[in-house]
Amino acid sequence: MYQYQELLDYEVLNHTRLGRDFQQLCRQDNMLAQLEEVGFMDGGCLSLALAVQAELGEQSCQIRFCCTPATAHHAVAYIAPQALGRKAGPGFCLDADGLATPAEMLLKMQQVESVPACTLLRELTLAQAREHGIVDLNGSSQRLRPLLRAFFLDNPPLGRHWLTALPPAEILRQRALVTYTAVR
């Protein structure tokens, strides 16, 4: 199976252009400033997922939650394979770390986010998510939308290039940068 993300220590390396560019966008100060002192992996995940869904449309993008059997831990924008012109196969998850398959997303939750029993990708209502403490922080999703709209103008929504692999040399370069940073 094709790999969209690779876990290097506590860093996520994207293997697609969209994943890399989206991860870089989410690390920018103007994006993080919309969340009121939290990040996308520690409180702002639903805000980001709702903003992505609003830009891509509910037909193409649903909100899914990475869960243990008893608790929801993280919200992602889930894009069905049909929305990207594929007839079958798994959908794709988009969060602040980039583009991932559902299996890669759950592996990241287990290994990077330290939720070892996180093995389910489920649909929940916003009321159910709230019961697990996952909320849209003071309407942050609305403040994120203009920034995402600009991003999607440069990366047309649901275009086939979303799944195009980065050149091998770029992946090696990024892997070396992450490894160098972790060693320092």
C-alpha atoms as a PDB file:
ATOM      1  CA  MET A   1       0.000   0.000   0.000  1.00  0.00           C
ATOM      2  CA  TYR A   2       1.167   3.510  -0.780  1.00  0.00           C
ATOM      3  CA  GLN A   3       2.470   5.499   2.189  1.00  0.00           C
ATOM      4  CA  TYR A   4       1.175   9.053   2.736  1.00  0.00           C
ATOM      5  CA  GLN A   5       2.854   9.711   6.069  1.00  0.00           C
ATOM      6  CA  GLU A   6       5.927   8.435   7.807  1.00  0.00           C
ATOM      7  CA  LEU A   7       6.567   8.701  11.534  1.00  0.00           C
ATOM      8  CA  LEU A   8      10.065   9.822  12.439  1.00  0.00           C
ATOM      9  CA  ASP A   9      10.502   9.962  16.188  1.00  0.00           C
ATOM     10  CA  TYR A  10       7.807  12.510  17.131  1.00  0.00           C
ATOM     11  CA  GLU A  11       7.670  14.175  13.713  1.00  0.00           C
ATOM     12  CA  VAL A  12       5.353  13.359  10.828  1.00  0.00           C
ATOM     13  CA  LEU A  13       6.906  13.353   7.367  1.00  0.00           C
ATOM     14  CA  ASN A  14       4.433  13.685   4.502  1.00  0.00           C
ATOM     15  CA  HIS A  15       4.957  11.845   1.239  1.00  0.00           C
ATOM     16  CA  THR A  16       2.528  13.999  -0.783  1.00  0.00           C
ATOM     17  CA  ARG A  17       2.727  17.626  -1.807  1.00  0.00           C
ATOM     18  CA  LEU A  18      -0.677  18.410  -0.328  1.00  0.00           C
ATOM     19  CA  GLY A  19       0.208  16.771   2.984  1.00  0.00           C
ATOM     20  CA  ARG A  20       3.490  18.669   3.227  1.00  0.00           C
ATOM     21  CA  ASP A  21       1.966  22.006   2.235  1.00  0.00           C
ATOM     22  CA  PHE A  22      -1.016  21.600   4.573  1.00  0.00           C
ATOM     23  CA  GLN A  23       1.272  20.702   7.481  1.00  0.00           C
ATOM     24  CA  GLN A  24       3.366  23.813   6.796  1.00  0.00           C
ATOM     25  CA  LEU A  25       0.220  25.962   6.596  1.00  0.00           C
ATOM     26  CA  CYS A  26      -0.991  24.681   9.965  1.00  0.00           C
ATOM     27  CA  ARG A  27       2.337  25.545  11.588  1.00  0.00           C
ATOM     28  CA  GLN A  28       2.179  29.195  10.514  1.00  0.00           C
ATOM     29  CA  ASP A  29       1.676  31.796  13.214  1.00  0.00           C
ATOM     30  CA  ASN A  30      -1.406  33.318  11.528  1.00  0.00           C
ATOM     31  CA  MET A  31      -3.157  29.903  11.600  1.00  0.00           C
ATOM     32  CA  LEU A  32      -2.226  29.159  15.196  1.00  0.00           C
ATOM     33  CA  ALA A  33      -3.276  32.656  16.275  1.00  0.00           C
ATOM     34  CA  GLN A  34      -6.888  31.744  15.465  1.00  0.00           C
ATOM     35  CA  LEU A  35      -6.974  29.084  18.212  1.00  0.00           C
ATOM     36  CA  GLU A  36      -6.539  31.085  21.410  1.00  0.00           C
ATOM     37  CA  GLU A  37      -3.431  29.523  22.973  1.00  0.00           C
ATOM     38  CA  VAL A  38      -3.823  25.889  21.928  1.00  0.00           C
ATOM     39  CA  GLY A  39      -2.547  23.998  18.910  1.00  0.00           C
ATOM     40  CA  PHE A  40      -4.273  21.792  16.389  1.00  0.00           C
ATOM     41  CA  MET A  41      -3.239  18.614  18.210  1.00  0.00           C
ATOM     42  CA  ASP A  42      -4.116  19.811  21.713  1.00  0.00           C
ATOM     43  CA  GLY A  43      -7.524  21.394  21.477  1.00  0.00           C
ATOM     44  CA  GLY A  44      -7.995  22.855  18.011  1.00  0.00           C
ATOM     45  CA  CYS A  45      -8.492  19.674  15.967  1.00  0.00           C
ATOM     46  CA  LEU A  46     -12.274  19.977  15.597  1.00  0.00           C
ATOM     47  CA  SER A  47     -12.012  23.650  14.640  1.00  0.00           C
ATOM     48  CA  LEU A  48      -9.627  22.728  11.818  1.00  0.00           C
ATOM     49  CA  ALA A  49     -11.727  19.764  10.668  1.00  0.00           C
ATOM     50  CA  LEU A  50     -14.908  21.872  10.586  1.00  0.00           C
ATOM     51  CA  ALA A  51     -13.155  24.623   8.617  1.00  0.00           C
ATOM     52  CA  VAL A  52     -11.858  22.085   6.066  1.00  0.00           C
ATOM     53  CA  GLN A  53     -15.327  20.563   5.766  1.00  0.00           C
ATOM     54  CA  ALA A  54     -16.873  24.003   5.237  1.00  0.00           C
ATOM     55  CA  GLU A  55     -14.438  24.694   2.390  1.00  0.00           C
ATOM     56  CA  LEU A  56     -14.673  21.279   0.689  1.00  0.00           C
ATOM     57  CA  GLY A  57     -18.378  20.677   1.295  1.00  0.00           C
ATOM     58  CA  GLU A  58     -20.182  18.096   3.398  1.00  0.00           C
ATOM     59  CA  GLN A  59     -20.650  15.759   0.405  1.00  0.00           C
ATOM     60  CA  SER A  60     -16.900  15.410  -0.022  1.00  0.00           C
ATOM     61  CA  CYS A  61     -15.681  15.765   3.549  1.00  0.00           C
ATOM     62  CA  GLN A  62     -17.000  14.353   6.796  1.00  0.00           C
ATOM     63  CA  ILE A  63     -15.725  14.775  10.341  1.00  0.00           C
ATOM     64  CA  ARG A  64     -14.345  11.574  11.888  1.00  0.00           C
ATOM     65  CA  PHE A  65     -12.849  10.970  15.308  1.00  0.00           C
ATOM     66  CA  CYS A  66      -9.880   8.839  16.352  1.00  0.00           C
ATOM     67  CA  CYS A  67     -11.182   6.837  19.300  1.00  0.00           C
ATOM     68  CA  THR A  68     -10.371   4.233  21.864  1.00  0.00           C
ATOM     69  CA  PRO A  69     -13.323   1.951  22.621  1.00  0.00           C
ATOM     70  CA  ALA A  70     -14.562   4.400  25.291  1.00  0.00           C
ATOM     71  CA  THR A  71     -13.224   7.857  24.351  1.00  0.00           C
ATOM     72  CA  ALA A  72     -12.803  10.143  21.359  1.00  0.00           C
ATOM     73  CA  HIS A  73      -9.385  11.811  21.225  1.00  0.00           C
ATOM     74  CA  HIS A  74      -8.907  13.660  17.922  1.00  0.00           C
ATOM     75  CA  ALA A  75     -11.024  15.048  15.076  1.00  0.00           C
ATOM     76  CA  VAL A  76      -9.987  14.851  11.411  1.00  0.00           C
ATOM     77  CA  ALA A  77     -11.430  15.876   8.069  1.00  0.00           C
ATOM     78  CA  TYR A  78     -12.216  12.582   6.328  1.00  0.00           C
ATOM     79  CA  ILE A  79     -12.320  12.608   2.532  1.00  0.00           C
ATOM     80  CA  ALA A  80     -14.019   9.657   0.873  1.00  0.00           C
ATOM     81  CA  PRO A  81     -12.101   7.964  -1.970  1.00  0.00           C
ATOM     82  CA  GLN A  82     -14.923   8.785  -4.407  1.00  0.00           C
ATOM     83  CA  ALA A  83     -14.372  12.513  -3.785  1.00  0.00           C
ATOM     84  CA  LEU A  84     -10.889  12.085  -5.244  1.00  0.00           C
ATOM     85  CA  GLY A  85     -12.040  10.057  -8.243  1.00  0.00           C
ATOM     86  CA  ARG A  86     -11.216   6.640  -6.787  1.00  0.00           C
ATOM     87  CA  LYS A  87     -13.800   3.887  -6.924  1.00  0.00           C
ATOM     88  CA  ALA A  88     -12.688   2.012  -3.815  1.00  0.00           C
ATOM     89  CA  GLY A  89     -10.115   1.829  -1.084  1.00  0.00           C
ATOM     90  CA  PRO A  90      -9.764   3.749   2.134  1.00  0.00           C
ATOM     91  CA  GLY A  91     -10.571   7.395   2.404  1.00  0.00           C
ATOM     92  CA  PHE A  92      -8.076  10.006   3.492  1.00  0.00           C
ATOM     93  CA  CYS A  93      -7.676  11.923   6.716  1.00  0.00           C
ATOM     94  CA  LEU A  94      -6.513  15.516   6.758  1.00  0.00           C
ATOM     95  CA  ASP A  95      -5.338  17.136   9.968  1.00  0.00           C
ATOM     96  CA  ALA A  96      -2.599  19.538  11.008  1.00  0.00           C
ATOM     97  CA  ASP A  97       0.027  16.865  10.325  1.00  0.00           C
ATOM     98  CA  GLY A  98      -1.062  16.507   6.698  1.00  0.00           C
ATOM     99  CA  LEU A  99      -2.708  13.811   4.591  1.00  0.00           C
ATOM    100  CA  ALA A 100      -2.903  10.229   5.885  1.00  0.00           C
ATOM    101  CA  THR A 101      -4.756   6.990   5.349  1.00  0.00           C
ATOM    102  CA  PRO A 102      -7.012   5.978   8.261  1.00  0.00           C
ATOM    103  CA  ALA A 103      -4.470   3.319   9.275  1.00  0.00           C
ATOM    104  CA  GLU A 104      -1.642   5.884   9.275  1.00  0.00           C
ATOM    105  CA  MET A 105      -3.764   8.291  11.312  1.00  0.00           C
ATOM    106  CA  LEU A 106      -4.471   5.670  13.971  1.00  0.00           C
ATOM    107  CA  LEU A 107      -0.806   4.632  14.049  1.00  0.00           C
ATOM    108  CA  LYS A 108       0.165   8.277  14.595  1.00  0.00           C
ATOM    109  CA  MET A 109      -2.312   8.514  17.458  1.00  0.00           C
ATOM    110  CA  GLN A 110      -0.790   5.419  19.036  1.00  0.00           C
ATOM    111  CA  GLN A 111       2.891   6.214  18.537  1.00  0.00           C
ATOM    112  CA  VAL A 112       3.142  10.004  18.454  1.00  0.00           C
ATOM    113  CA  GLU A 113       0.130  11.132  20.495  1.00  0.00           C
ATOM    114  CA  SER A 114       0.571   8.311  23.065  1.00  0.00           C
ATOM    115  CA  VAL A 115      -2.940   6.886  22.887  1.00  0.00           C
ATOM    116  CA  PRO A 116      -2.046   3.168  22.510  1.00  0.00           C
ATOM    117  CA  ALA A 117      -5.634   1.895  22.432  1.00  0.00           C
ATOM    118  CA  CYS A 118      -6.671   4.340  19.660  1.00  0.00           C
ATOM    119  CA  THR A 119      -7.863   1.895  17.027  1.00  0.00           C
ATOM    120  CA  LEU A 120     -11.179   3.287  15.776  1.00  0.00           C
ATOM    121  CA  LEU A 121     -12.048   6.011  13.265  1.00  0.00           C
ATOM    122  CA  ARG A 122     -15.700   6.865  13.966  1.00  0.00           C
ATOM    123  CA  GLU A 123     -18.389   9.332  13.042  1.00  0.00           C
ATOM    124  CA  LEU A 124     -19.832  11.224  16.008  1.00  0.00           C
ATOM    125  CA  THR A 125     -22.250  14.094  16.261  1.00  0.00           C
ATOM    126  CA  LEU A 126     -20.898  17.396  17.547  1.00  0.00           C
ATOM    127  CA  ALA A 127     -22.909  16.827  20.747  1.00  0.00           C
ATOM    128  CA  GLN A 128     -21.225  13.440  21.219  1.00  0.00           C
ATOM    129  CA  ALA A 129     -17.814  14.996  20.564  1.00  0.00           C
ATOM    130  CA  ARG A 130     -18.561  17.665  23.172  1.00  0.00           C
ATOM    131  CA  GLU A 131     -19.171  14.886  25.726  1.00  0.00           C
ATOM    132  CA  HIS A 132     -15.554  13.836  25.111  1.00  0.00           C
ATOM    133  CA  GLY A 133     -14.275  17.408  25.460  1.00  0.00           C
ATOM    134  CA  ILE A 134     -13.758  17.956  21.728  1.00  0.00           C
ATOM    135  CA  VAL A 135     -15.263  21.312  20.720  1.00  0.00           C
ATOM    136  CA  ASP A 136     -14.926  24.137  18.203  1.00  0.00           C
ATOM    137  CA  LEU A 137     -13.107  26.664  20.380  1.00  0.00           C
ATOM    138  CA  ASN A 138     -15.188  29.853  20.430  1.00  0.00           C
ATOM    139  CA  GLY A 139     -15.986  29.519  16.749  1.00  0.00           C
ATOM    140  CA  SER A 140     -12.335  29.188  15.698  1.00  0.00           C
ATOM    141  CA  SER A 141     -13.439  27.252  12.621  1.00  0.00           C
ATOM    142  CA  GLN A 142     -14.996  30.428  11.207  1.00  0.00           C
ATOM    143  CA  ARG A 143     -11.748  32.362  11.699  1.00  0.00           C
ATOM    144  CA  LEU A 144      -9.758  29.588  10.003  1.00  0.00           C
ATOM    145  CA  ARG A 145     -11.948  29.470   6.883  1.00  0.00           C
ATOM    146  CA  PRO A 146     -10.468  32.498   5.038  1.00  0.00           C
ATOM    147  CA  LEU A 147      -6.952  31.120   5.543  1.00  0.00           C
ATOM    148  CA  LEU A 148      -8.011  27.709   4.245  1.00  0.00           C
ATOM    149  CA  ARG A 149      -9.886  29.275   1.344  1.00  0.00           C
ATOM    150  CA  ALA A 150      -6.652  30.946   0.209  1.00  0.00           C
ATOM    151  CA  PHE A 151      -4.790  27.638   0.578  1.00  0.00           C
ATOM    152  CA  PHE A 152      -7.374  25.737  -1.459  1.00  0.00           C
ATOM    153  CA  LEU A 153      -7.252  28.362  -4.208  1.00  0.00           C
ATOM    154  CA  ASP A 154      -3.588  27.398  -4.665  1.00  0.00           C
ATOM    155  CA  ASN A 155      -4.360  23.672  -4.203  1.00  0.00           C
ATOM    156  CA  PRO A 156      -7.693  23.121  -5.954  1.00  0.00           C
ATOM    157  CA  PRO A 157      -9.955  21.066  -3.697  1.00  0.00           C
ATOM    158  CA  LEU A 158     -10.025  17.363  -4.359  1.00  0.00           C
ATOM    159  CA  GLY A 159      -7.748  17.549  -7.377  1.00  0.00           C
ATOM    160  CA  ARG A 160      -5.939  14.403  -8.442  1.00  0.00           C
ATOM    161  CA  HIS A 161      -2.598  16.017  -7.584  1.00  0.00           C
ATOM    162  CA  TRP A 162      -3.551  15.720  -3.899  1.00  0.00           C
ATOM    163  CA  LEU A 163      -2.306  12.136  -3.931  1.00  0.00           C
ATOM    164  CA  THR A 164       0.766  12.744  -6.068  1.00  0.00           C
ATOM    165  CA  ALA A 165       3.940  11.645  -4.338  1.00  0.00           C
ATOM    166  CA  LEU A 166       6.730  14.056  -3.559  1.00  0.00           C
ATOM    167  CA  PRO A 167       9.896  13.305  -5.521  1.00  0.00           C
ATOM    168  CA  PRO A 168      12.067  10.735  -3.696  1.00  0.00           C
ATOM    169  CA  ALA A 169      14.856  13.305  -3.334  1.00  0.00           C
ATOM    170  CA  GLU A 170      12.479  15.679  -1.494  1.00  0.00           C
ATOM    171  CA  ILE A 171      11.389  12.910   0.883  1.00  0.00           C
ATOM    172  CA  LEU A 172      15.041  12.055   1.585  1.00  0.00           C
ATOM    173  CA  ARG A 173      15.838  15.738   2.153  1.00  0.00           C
ATOM    174  CA  GLN A 174      12.926  16.149   4.574  1.00  0.00           C
ATOM    175  CA  ARG A 175      13.841  12.914   6.389  1.00  0.00           C
ATOM    176  CA  ALA A 176      17.430  14.155   6.807  1.00  0.00           C
ATOM    177  CA  LEU A 177      16.211  17.515   8.153  1.00  0.00           C
ATOM    178  CA  VAL A 178      13.958  15.827  10.724  1.00  0.00           C
ATOM    179  CA  THR A 179      16.712  13.415  11.742  1.00  0.00           C
ATOM    180  CA  TYR A 180      19.258  16.254  12.029  1.00  0.00           C
ATOM    181  CA  THR A 181      16.883  18.339  14.151  1.00  0.00           C
ATOM    182  CA  ALA A 182      16.098  15.386  16.453  1.00  0.00           C
ATOM    183  CA  VAL A 183      19.800  14.623  17.002  1.00  0.00           C
ATOM    184  CA  ARG A 184      20.711  18.227  17.919  1.00  0.00           C
END
